[in-house]
PDB file of N, CA and C in Angstrom:
ATOM      1  N   MET A   1      98.265  99.532  74.971  1.00  0.00           N
ATOM      2  CA  MET A   1      98.059  99.760  76.401  1.00  0.00           C
ATOM      3  C   MET A   1      99.047  98.908  77.195  1.00  0.00           C
ATOM      4  N   ASN A   2      99.695  99.538  78.139  1.00  0.00           N
ATOM      5  CA  ASN A   2     100.654  98.822  78.983  1.00  0.00           C
ATOM      6  C   ASN A   2      99.940  97.938  79.986  1.00  0.00           C
ATOM      7  N   THR A   3     100.519  96.778  80.223  1.00  0.00           N
ATOM      8  CA  THR A   3     100.010  95.938  81.306  1.00  0.00           C
ATOM      9  C   THR A   3     100.604  96.470  82.609  1.00  0.00           C
ATOM     10  N   PRO A   4     100.008  96.094  83.752  1.00  0.00           N
ATOM     11  CA  PRO A   4     100.599  96.512  85.033  1.00  0.00           C
ATOM     12  C   PRO A   4     102.061  96.081  85.174  1.00  0.00           C
ATOM     13  N   ALA A   5     102.408  94.905  84.670  1.00  0.00           N
ATOM     14  CA  ALA A   5     103.801  94.440  84.749  1.00  0.00           C
ATOM     15  C   ALA A   5     104.715  95.315  83.895  1.00  0.00           C
ATOM     16  N   ASP A   6     104.246  95.704  82.697  1.00  0.00           N
ATOM     17  CA  ASP A   6     105.032  96.595  81.835  1.00  0.00           C
ATOM     18  C   ASP A   6     105.282  97.930  82.532  1.00  0.00           C
ATOM     19  N   LEU A   7     104.246  98.464  83.151  1.00  0.00           N
ATOM     20  CA  LEU A   7     104.362  99.747  83.839  1.00  0.00           C
ATOM     21  C   LEU A   7     105.371  99.647  84.981  1.00  0.00           C
ATOM     22  N   LYS A   8     105.304  98.575  85.761  1.00  0.00           N
ATOM     23  CA  LYS A   8     106.259  98.400  86.873  1.00  0.00           C
ATOM     24  C   LYS A   8     107.681  98.294  86.346  1.00  0.00           C
ATOM     25  N   ASN A   9     107.873  97.610  85.232  1.00  0.00           N
ATOM     26  CA  ASN A   9     109.214  97.508  84.643  1.00  0.00           C
ATOM     27  C   ASN A   9     109.700  98.866  84.140  1.00  0.00           C
ATOM     28  N   GLN A  10     108.794  99.665  83.567  1.00  0.00           N
ATOM     29  CA  GLN A  10     109.157 101.023  83.141  1.00  0.00           C
ATOM     30  C   GLN A  10     109.598 101.857  84.340  1.00  0.00           C
ATOM     31  N   ILE A  11     108.847 101.746  85.431  1.00  0.00           N
ATOM     32  CA  ILE A  11     109.169 102.509  86.645  1.00  0.00           C
ATOM     33  C   ILE A  11     110.547 102.098  87.163  1.00  0.00           C
ATOM     34  N   LYS A  12     110.792 100.802  87.234  1.00  0.00           N
ATOM     35  CA  LYS A  12     112.099 100.320  87.715  1.00  0.00           C
ATOM     36  C   LYS A  12     113.219 100.843  86.821  1.00  0.00           C
ATOM     37  N   SER A  13     113.005 100.813  85.518  1.00  0.00           N
ATOM     38  CA  SER A  13     114.033 101.283  84.583  1.00  0.00           C
ATOM     39  C   SER A  13     114.312 102.768  84.762  1.00  0.00           C
ATOM     40  N   PHE A  14     113.257 103.576  84.900  1.00  0.00           N
ATOM     41  CA  PHE A  14     113.532 105.003  85.040  1.00  0.00           C
ATOM     42  C   PHE A  14     114.064 105.350  86.426  1.00  0.00           C
ATOM     43  N   LEU A  15     113.722 104.561  87.453  1.00  0.00           N
ATOM     44  CA  LEU A  15     114.348 104.763  88.767  1.00  0.00           C
ATOM     45  C   LEU A  15     115.863 104.605  88.647  1.00  0.00           C
ATOM     46  N   ILE A  16     116.280 103.544  87.991  1.00  0.00           N
ATOM     47  CA  ILE A  16     117.708 103.262  87.835  1.00  0.00           C
ATOM     48  C   ILE A  16     118.378 104.336  86.981  1.00  0.00           C
ATOM     49  N   GLU A  17     117.715 104.690  85.875  1.00  0.00           N
ATOM     50  CA  GLU A  17     118.282 105.663  84.946  1.00  0.00           C
ATOM     51  C   GLU A  17     118.339 107.063  85.563  1.00  0.00           C
ATOM     52  N   ASP A  18     117.215 107.547  86.080  1.00  0.00           N
ATOM     53  CA  ASP A  18     117.139 108.920  86.576  1.00  0.00           C
ATOM     54  C   ASP A  18     117.897 109.113  87.887  1.00  0.00           C
ATOM     55  N   LEU A  19     117.915 108.089  88.731  1.00  0.00           N
ATOM     56  CA  LEU A  19     118.569 108.221  90.035  1.00  0.00           C
ATOM     57  C   LEU A  19     119.975 107.620  90.029  1.00  0.00           C
ATOM     58  N   MET A  20     120.404 107.140  88.870  1.00  0.00           N
ATOM     59  CA  MET A  20     121.740 106.574  88.682  1.00  0.00           C
ATOM     60  C   MET A  20     122.053 105.487  89.719  1.00  0.00           C
ATOM     61  N   LEU A  21     121.098 104.568  89.885  1.00  0.00           N
ATOM     62  CA  LEU A  21     121.280 103.462  90.819  1.00  0.00           C
ATOM     63  C   LEU A  21     122.184 102.408  90.184  1.00  0.00           C
ATOM     64  N   GLN A  22     122.996 101.774  90.988  1.00  0.00           N
ATOM     65  CA  GLN A  22     123.945 100.773  90.494  1.00  0.00           C
ATOM     66  C   GLN A  22     123.391  99.364  90.661  1.00  0.00           C
ATOM     67  N   ILE A  23     122.152  99.163  90.215  1.00  0.00           N
ATOM     68  CA  ILE A  23     121.497  97.854  90.307  1.00  0.00           C
ATOM     69  C   ILE A  23     120.722  97.605  89.018  1.00  0.00           C
ATOM     70  N   THR A  24     120.167  96.404  88.886  1.00  0.00           N
ATOM     71  CA  THR A  24     119.352  96.077  87.713  1.00  0.00           C
ATOM     72  C   THR A  24     117.874  96.147  88.105  1.00  0.00           C
ATOM     73  N   PRO A  25     116.983  96.276  87.106  1.00  0.00           N
ATOM     74  CA  PRO A  25     115.547  96.297  87.422  1.00  0.00           C
ATOM     75  C   PRO A  25     115.097  95.044  88.181  1.00  0.00           C
ATOM     76  N   GLN A  26     115.725  93.905  87.886  1.00  0.00           N
ATOM     77  CA  GLN A  26     115.339  92.655  88.554  1.00  0.00           C
ATOM     78  C   GLN A  26     115.654  92.673  90.047  1.00  0.00           C
ATOM     79  N   GLU A  27     116.557  93.548  90.469  1.00  0.00           N
ATOM     80  CA  GLU A  27     116.933  93.629  91.879  1.00  0.00           C
ATOM     81  C   GLU A  27     115.967  94.495  92.696  1.00  0.00           C
ATOM     82  N   ILE A  28     115.030  95.143  92.020  1.00  0.00           N
ATOM     83  CA  ILE A  28     114.051  95.979  92.717  1.00  0.00           C
ATOM     84  C   ILE A  28     112.745  95.198  92.816  1.00  0.00           C
ATOM     85  N   GLY A  29     112.316  94.907  94.033  1.00  0.00           N
ATOM     86  CA  GLY A  29     111.048  94.216  94.230  1.00  0.00           C
ATOM     87  C   GLY A  29     109.881  95.164  94.049  1.00  0.00           C
ATOM     88  N   ASP A  30     108.774  94.655  93.523  1.00  0.00           N
ATOM     89  CA  ASP A  30     107.583  95.496  93.315  1.00  0.00           C
ATOM     90  C   ASP A  30     107.118  96.149  94.602  1.00  0.00           C
ATOM     91  N   ASP A  31     107.228  95.410  95.709  1.00  0.00           N
ATOM     92  CA  ASP A  31     106.728  95.913  96.992  1.00  0.00           C
ATOM     93  C   ASP A  31     107.850  96.254  97.965  1.00  0.00           C
ATOM     94  N   GLN A  32     109.061  96.367  97.452  1.00  0.00           N
ATOM     95  CA  GLN A  32     110.201  96.760  98.289  1.00  0.00           C
ATOM     96  C   GLN A  32     110.081  98.256  98.599  1.00  0.00           C
ATOM     97  N   PRO A  33     110.223  98.636  99.876  1.00  0.00           N
ATOM     98  CA  PRO A  33     110.185 100.072 100.194  1.00  0.00           C
ATOM     99  C   PRO A  33     111.298 100.817  99.459  1.00  0.00           C
ATOM    100  N   LEU A  34     110.993 102.012  99.000  1.00  0.00           N
ATOM    101  CA  LEU A  34     111.990 102.816  98.308  1.00  0.00           C
ATOM    102  C   LEU A  34     112.780 103.685  99.289  1.00  0.00           C
ATOM    103  N   PHE A  35     112.143 104.039 100.402  1.00  0.00           N
ATOM    104  CA  PHE A  35     112.758 104.921 101.403  1.00  0.00           C
ATOM    105  C   PHE A  35     112.686 104.253 102.772  1.00  0.00           C
ATOM    106  N   GLY A  36     113.615 104.610 103.656  1.00  0.00           N
ATOM    107  CA  GLY A  36     113.554 104.130 105.037  1.00  0.00           C
ATOM    108  C   GLY A  36     114.267 102.809 105.235  1.00  0.00           C
ATOM    109  N   PRO A  37     114.083 102.207 106.440  1.00  0.00           N
ATOM    110  CA  PRO A  37     114.782 100.971 106.777  1.00  0.00           C
ATOM    111  C   PRO A  37     114.381  99.810 105.867  1.00  0.00           C
ATOM    112  N   GLY A  38     115.341  99.005 105.471  1.00  0.00           N
ATOM    113  CA  GLY A  38     115.072  97.848 104.627  1.00  0.00           C
ATOM    114  C   GLY A  38     114.671  98.209 103.214  1.00  0.00           C
ATOM    115  N   SER A  39     115.034  99.414 102.801  1.00  0.00           N
ATOM    116  CA  SER A  39     114.569  99.925 101.513  1.00  0.00           C
ATOM    117  C   SER A  39     115.680  99.913 100.471  1.00  0.00           C
ATOM    118  N   LEU A  40     115.348 100.510  99.345  1.00  0.00           N
ATOM    119  CA  LEU A  40     116.299 100.710  98.268  1.00  0.00           C
ATOM    120  C   LEU A  40     117.346 101.750  98.659  1.00  0.00           C
ATOM    121  N   GLY A  41     117.070 102.522  99.707  1.00  0.00           N
ATOM    122  CA  GLY A  41     118.028 103.502 100.210  1.00  0.00           C
ATOM    123  C   GLY A  41     117.939 104.871  99.556  1.00  0.00           C
ATOM    124  N   LEU A  42     116.775 105.207  99.015  1.00  0.00           N
ATOM    125  CA  LEU A  42     116.614 106.521  98.406  1.00  0.00           C
ATOM    126  C   LEU A  42     116.522 107.587  99.495  1.00  0.00           C
ATOM    127  N   ASP A  43     116.902 108.826  99.130  1.00  0.00           N
ATOM    128  CA  ASP A  43     116.859 109.928 100.088  1.00  0.00           C
ATOM    129  C   ASP A  43     115.979 111.062  99.558  1.00  0.00           C
ATOM    130  N   SER A  44     115.993 112.191 100.262  1.00  0.00           N
ATOM    131  CA  SER A  44     115.098 113.295  99.902  1.00  0.00           C
ATOM    132  C   SER A  44     115.429 113.888  98.533  1.00  0.00           C
ATOM    133  N   VAL A  45     116.694 113.911  98.155  1.00  0.00           N
ATOM    134  CA  VAL A  45     117.056 114.402  96.819  1.00  0.00           C
ATOM    135  C   VAL A  45     116.485 113.461  95.757  1.00  0.00           C
ATOM    136  N   ASP A  46     116.586 112.152  96.010  1.00  0.00           N
ATOM    137  CA  ASP A  46     116.001 111.172  95.092  1.00  0.00           C
ATOM    138  C   ASP A  46     114.491 111.376  94.982  1.00  0.00           C
ATOM    139  N   ALA A  47     113.853 111.678  96.110  1.00  0.00           N
ATOM    140  CA  ALA A  47     112.399 111.889  96.110  1.00  0.00           C
ATOM    141  C   ALA A  47     112.026 113.056  95.199  1.00  0.00           C
ATOM    142  N   LEU A  48     112.789 114.146  95.280  1.00  0.00           N
ATOM    143  CA  LEU A  48     112.512 115.297  94.417  1.00  0.00           C
ATOM    144  C   LEU A  48     112.689 114.932  92.943  1.00  0.00           C
ATOM    145  N   GLN A  49     113.752 114.201  92.637  1.00  0.00           N
ATOM    146  CA  GLN A  49     113.982 113.780  91.252  1.00  0.00           C
ATOM    147  C   GLN A  49     112.852 112.872  90.773  1.00  0.00           C
ATOM    148  N   LEU A  50     112.377 112.029  91.661  1.00  0.00           N
ATOM    149  CA  LEU A  50     111.289 111.111  91.319  1.00  0.00           C
ATOM    150  C   LEU A  50     109.998 111.870  91.030  1.00  0.00           C
ATOM    151  N   VAL A  51     109.691 112.878  91.826  1.00  0.00           N
ATOM    152  CA  VAL A  51     108.498 113.703  91.599  1.00  0.00           C
ATOM    153  C   VAL A  51     108.576 114.363  90.216  1.00  0.00           C
ATOM    154  N   VAL A  52     109.739 114.906  89.878  1.00  0.00           N
ATOM    155  CA  VAL A  52     109.922 115.558  88.578  1.00  0.00           C
ATOM    156  C   VAL A  52     109.778 114.532  87.449  1.00  0.00           C
ATOM    157  N   ALA A  53     110.384 113.361  87.621  1.00  0.00           N
ATOM    158  CA  ALA A  53     110.322 112.319  86.584  1.00  0.00           C
ATOM    159  C   ALA A  53     108.891 111.839  86.363  1.00  0.00           C
ATOM    160  N   LEU A  54     108.122 111.673  87.432  1.00  0.00           N
ATOM    161  CA  LEU A  54     106.729 111.224  87.292  1.00  0.00           C
ATOM    162  C   LEU A  54     105.892 112.263  86.555  1.00  0.00           C
ATOM    163  N   ASP A  55     106.149 113.534  86.829  1.00  0.00           N
ATOM    164  CA  ASP A  55     105.427 114.604  86.138  1.00  0.00           C
ATOM    165  C   ASP A  55     105.824 114.622  84.659  1.00  0.00           C
ATOM    166  N   LYS A  56     107.108 114.547  84.384  1.00  0.00           N
ATOM    167  CA  LYS A  56     107.617 114.625  83.013  1.00  0.00           C
ATOM    168  C   LYS A  56     107.171 113.425  82.175  1.00  0.00           C
ATOM    169  N   ARG A  57     107.249 112.231  82.727  1.00  0.00           N
ATOM    170  CA  ARG A  57     106.959 111.019  81.963  1.00  0.00           C
ATOM    171  C   ARG A  57     105.468 110.694  81.876  1.00  0.00           C
ATOM    172  N   TYR A  58     104.750 110.958  82.965  1.00  0.00           N
ATOM    173  CA  TYR A  58     103.349 110.510  83.027  1.00  0.00           C
ATOM    174  C   TYR A  58     102.348 111.640  83.285  1.00  0.00           C
ATOM    175  N   GLY A  59     102.834 112.862  83.484  1.00  0.00           N
ATOM    176  CA  GLY A  59     101.928 113.967  83.789  1.00  0.00           C
ATOM    177  C   GLY A  59     101.321 113.853  85.179  1.00  0.00           C
ATOM    178  N   LEU A  60     101.950 113.023  86.028  1.00  0.00           N
ATOM    179  CA  LEU A  60     101.452 112.814  87.386  1.00  0.00           C
ATOM    180  C   LEU A  60     102.040 113.879  88.292  1.00  0.00           C
ATOM    181  N   LYS A  61     101.195 114.781  88.769  1.00  0.00           N
ATOM    182  CA  LYS A  61     101.651 115.860  89.641  1.00  0.00           C
ATOM    183  C   LYS A  61     101.396 115.457  91.099  1.00  0.00           C
ATOM    184  N   ILE A  62     102.433 115.574  91.913  1.00  0.00           N
ATOM    185  CA  ILE A  62     102.321 115.252  93.338  1.00  0.00           C
ATOM    186  C   ILE A  62     102.463 116.562  94.090  1.00  0.00           C
ATOM    187  N   ALA A  63     101.347 116.993  94.668  1.00  0.00           N
ATOM    188  CA  ALA A  63     101.255 118.352  95.194  1.00  0.00           C
ATOM    189  C   ALA A  63     101.836 118.544  96.592  1.00  0.00           C
ATOM    190  N   ASP A  64     101.727 117.546  97.448  1.00  0.00           N
ATOM    191  CA  ASP A  64     102.214 117.781  98.811  1.00  0.00           C
ATOM    192  C   ASP A  64     102.931 116.564  99.372  1.00  0.00           C
ATOM    193  N   ALA A  65     103.597 116.783 100.500  1.00  0.00           N
ATOM    194  CA  ALA A  65     104.446 115.748 101.097  1.00  0.00           C
ATOM    195  C   ALA A  65     103.663 114.507 101.514  1.00  0.00           C
ATOM    196  N   ALA A  66     102.442 114.696 102.025  1.00  0.00           N
ATOM    197  CA  ALA A  66     101.644 113.539 102.462  1.00  0.00           C
ATOM    198  C   ALA A  66     101.303 112.638 101.277  1.00  0.00           C
ATOM    199  N   VAL A  67     100.920 113.244 100.160  1.00  0.00           N
ATOM    200  CA  VAL A  67     100.609 112.477  98.955  1.00  0.00           C
ATOM    201  C   VAL A  67     101.885 111.807  98.435  1.00  0.00           C
ATOM    202  N   ALA A  68     102.989 112.527  98.472  1.00  0.00           N
ATOM    203  CA  ALA A  68     104.264 111.977  97.999  1.00  0.00           C
ATOM    204  C   ALA A  68     104.653 110.756  98.820  1.00  0.00           C
ATOM    205  N   ARG A  69     104.544 110.846 100.148  1.00  0.00           N
ATOM    206  CA  ARG A  69     104.906 109.705 101.004  1.00  0.00           C
ATOM    207  C   ARG A  69     104.059 108.485 100.689  1.00  0.00           C
ATOM    208  N   LYS A  70     102.775 108.690 100.454  1.00  0.00           N
ATOM    209  CA  LYS A  70     101.874 107.574 100.150  1.00  0.00           C
ATOM    210  C   LYS A  70     102.162 107.006  98.754  1.00  0.00           C
ATOM    211  N   THR A  71     102.356 107.884  97.792  1.00  0.00           N
ATOM    212  CA  THR A  71     102.547 107.467  96.402  1.00  0.00           C
ATOM    213  C   THR A  71     103.883 106.777  96.180  1.00  0.00           C
ATOM    214  N   MET A  72     104.936 107.276  96.805  1.00  0.00           N
ATOM    215  CA  MET A  72     106.283 106.823  96.489  1.00  0.00           C
ATOM    216  C   MET A  72     106.841 105.794  97.478  1.00  0.00           C
ATOM    217  N   GLN A  73     105.968 104.991  98.060  1.00  0.00           N
ATOM    218  CA  GLN A  73     106.425 103.957  98.987  1.00  0.00           C
ATOM    219  C   GLN A  73     107.112 102.806  98.266  1.00  0.00           C
ATOM    220  N   THR A  74     106.501 102.322  97.188  1.00  0.00           N
ATOM    221  CA  THR A  74     106.999 101.157  96.460  1.00  0.00           C
ATOM    222  C   THR A  74     106.746 101.347  94.964  1.00  0.00           C
ATOM    223  N   VAL A  75     107.315 100.472  94.162  1.00  0.00           N
ATOM    224  CA  VAL A  75     107.034 100.485  92.719  1.00  0.00           C
ATOM    225  C   VAL A  75     105.535 100.253  92.496  1.00  0.00           C
ATOM    226  N   THR A  76     104.949  99.354  93.283  1.00  0.00           N
ATOM    227  CA  THR A  76     103.513  99.063  93.152  1.00  0.00           C
ATOM    228  C   THR A  76     102.667 100.308  93.436  1.00  0.00           C
ATOM    229  N   SER A  77     103.017 101.075  94.477  1.00  0.00           N
ATOM    230  CA  SER A  77     102.221 102.264  94.804  1.00  0.00           C
ATOM    231  C   SER A  77     102.382 103.352  93.742  1.00  0.00           C
ATOM    232  N   ILE A  78     103.574 103.459  93.164  1.00  0.00           N
ATOM    233  CA  ILE A  78     103.776 104.427  92.072  1.00  0.00           C
ATOM    234  C   ILE A  78     102.942 104.011  90.855  1.00  0.00           C
ATOM    235  N   ALA A  79     102.973 102.717  90.520  1.00  0.00           N
ATOM    236  CA  ALA A  79     102.196 102.217  89.378  1.00  0.00           C
ATOM    237  C   ALA A  79     100.703 102.466  89.587  1.00  0.00           C
ATOM    238  N   ALA A  80     100.221 102.243  90.800  1.00  0.00           N
ATOM    239  CA  ALA A  80      98.797 102.465  91.091  1.00  0.00           C
ATOM    240  C   ALA A  80      98.430 103.940  90.905  1.00  0.00           C
ATOM    241  N   ALA A  81      99.306 104.842  91.331  1.00  0.00           N
ATOM    242  CA  ALA A  81      99.038 106.275  91.183  1.00  0.00           C
ATOM    243  C   ALA A  81      99.022 106.671  89.710  1.00  0.00           C
ATOM    244  N   ILE A  82      99.947 106.121  88.938  1.00  0.00           N
ATOM    245  CA  ILE A  82      99.983 106.421  87.501  1.00  0.00           C
ATOM    246  C   ILE A  82      98.729 105.888  86.820  1.00  0.00           C
ATOM    247  N   GLU A  83      98.346 104.653  87.155  1.00  0.00           N
ATOM    248  CA  GLU A  83      97.140 104.062  86.549  1.00  0.00           C
ATOM    249  C   GLU A  83      95.899 104.870  86.908  1.00  0.00           C
ATOM    250  N   ALA A  84      95.778 105.305  88.155  1.00  0.00           N
ATOM    251  CA  ALA A  84      94.624 106.120  88.576  1.00  0.00           C
ATOM    252  C   ALA A  84      94.619 107.461  87.839  1.00  0.00           C
ATOM    253  N   HIS A  85      95.787 108.058  87.697  1.00  0.00           N
ATOM    254  CA  HIS A  85      95.905 109.341  86.993  1.00  0.00           C
ATOM    255  C   HIS A  85      95.493 109.178  85.527  1.00  0.00           C
ATOM    256  N   GLN A  86      95.997 108.117  84.877  1.00  0.00           N
ATOM    257  CA  GLN A  86      95.677 107.897  83.466  1.00  0.00           C
ATOM    258  C   GLN A  86      94.212 107.556  83.275  1.00  0.00           C
ATOM    259  N   ALA A  87      93.625 106.815  84.203  1.00  0.00           N
ATOM    260  CA  ALA A  87      92.195 106.479  84.108  1.00  0.00           C
ATOM    261  C   ALA A  87      91.351 107.743  84.244  1.00  0.00           C
ATOM    262  N   GLY A  88      91.793 108.666  85.086  1.00  0.00           N
ATOM    263  CA  GLY A  88      91.053 109.915  85.293  1.00  0.00           C
ATOM    264  C   GLY A  88      91.097 110.834  84.107  1.00  0.00           C
ATOM    265  N   ARG A  89      92.086 110.665  83.229  1.00  0.00           N
ATOM    266  CA  ARG A  89      92.219 111.537  82.057  1.00  0.00           C
ATOM    267  C   ARG A  89      91.384 111.083  80.884  1.00  0.00           C
ATOM    268  N   LYS A  90      90.901 109.855  80.924  1.00  0.00           N
ATOM    269  CA  LYS A  90      90.183 109.295  79.767  1.00  0.00           C
ATOM    270  C   LYS A  90      88.749 109.763  79.720  1.00  0.00           C
TER     271      LYS A  90
END
């Protein structure tokens, strides 16, 4: 079973890998915004790739824009959504 820290590190790694970011996982803060001012600088294309990656890697389906905005704010919010999804499957 992954610890919350392991899950956050996995998320950071796949963000960098899937979105081809030119940074290291250590440069991404757990609570750093992913989109908008003061953020990692992701855009709408990145958001679509992220939705696909979350579904492919974790089976987490994000059905609408409101849920996506809430879920994909930070690494912490993505981890919480994955943990809730996995808990619901057990």
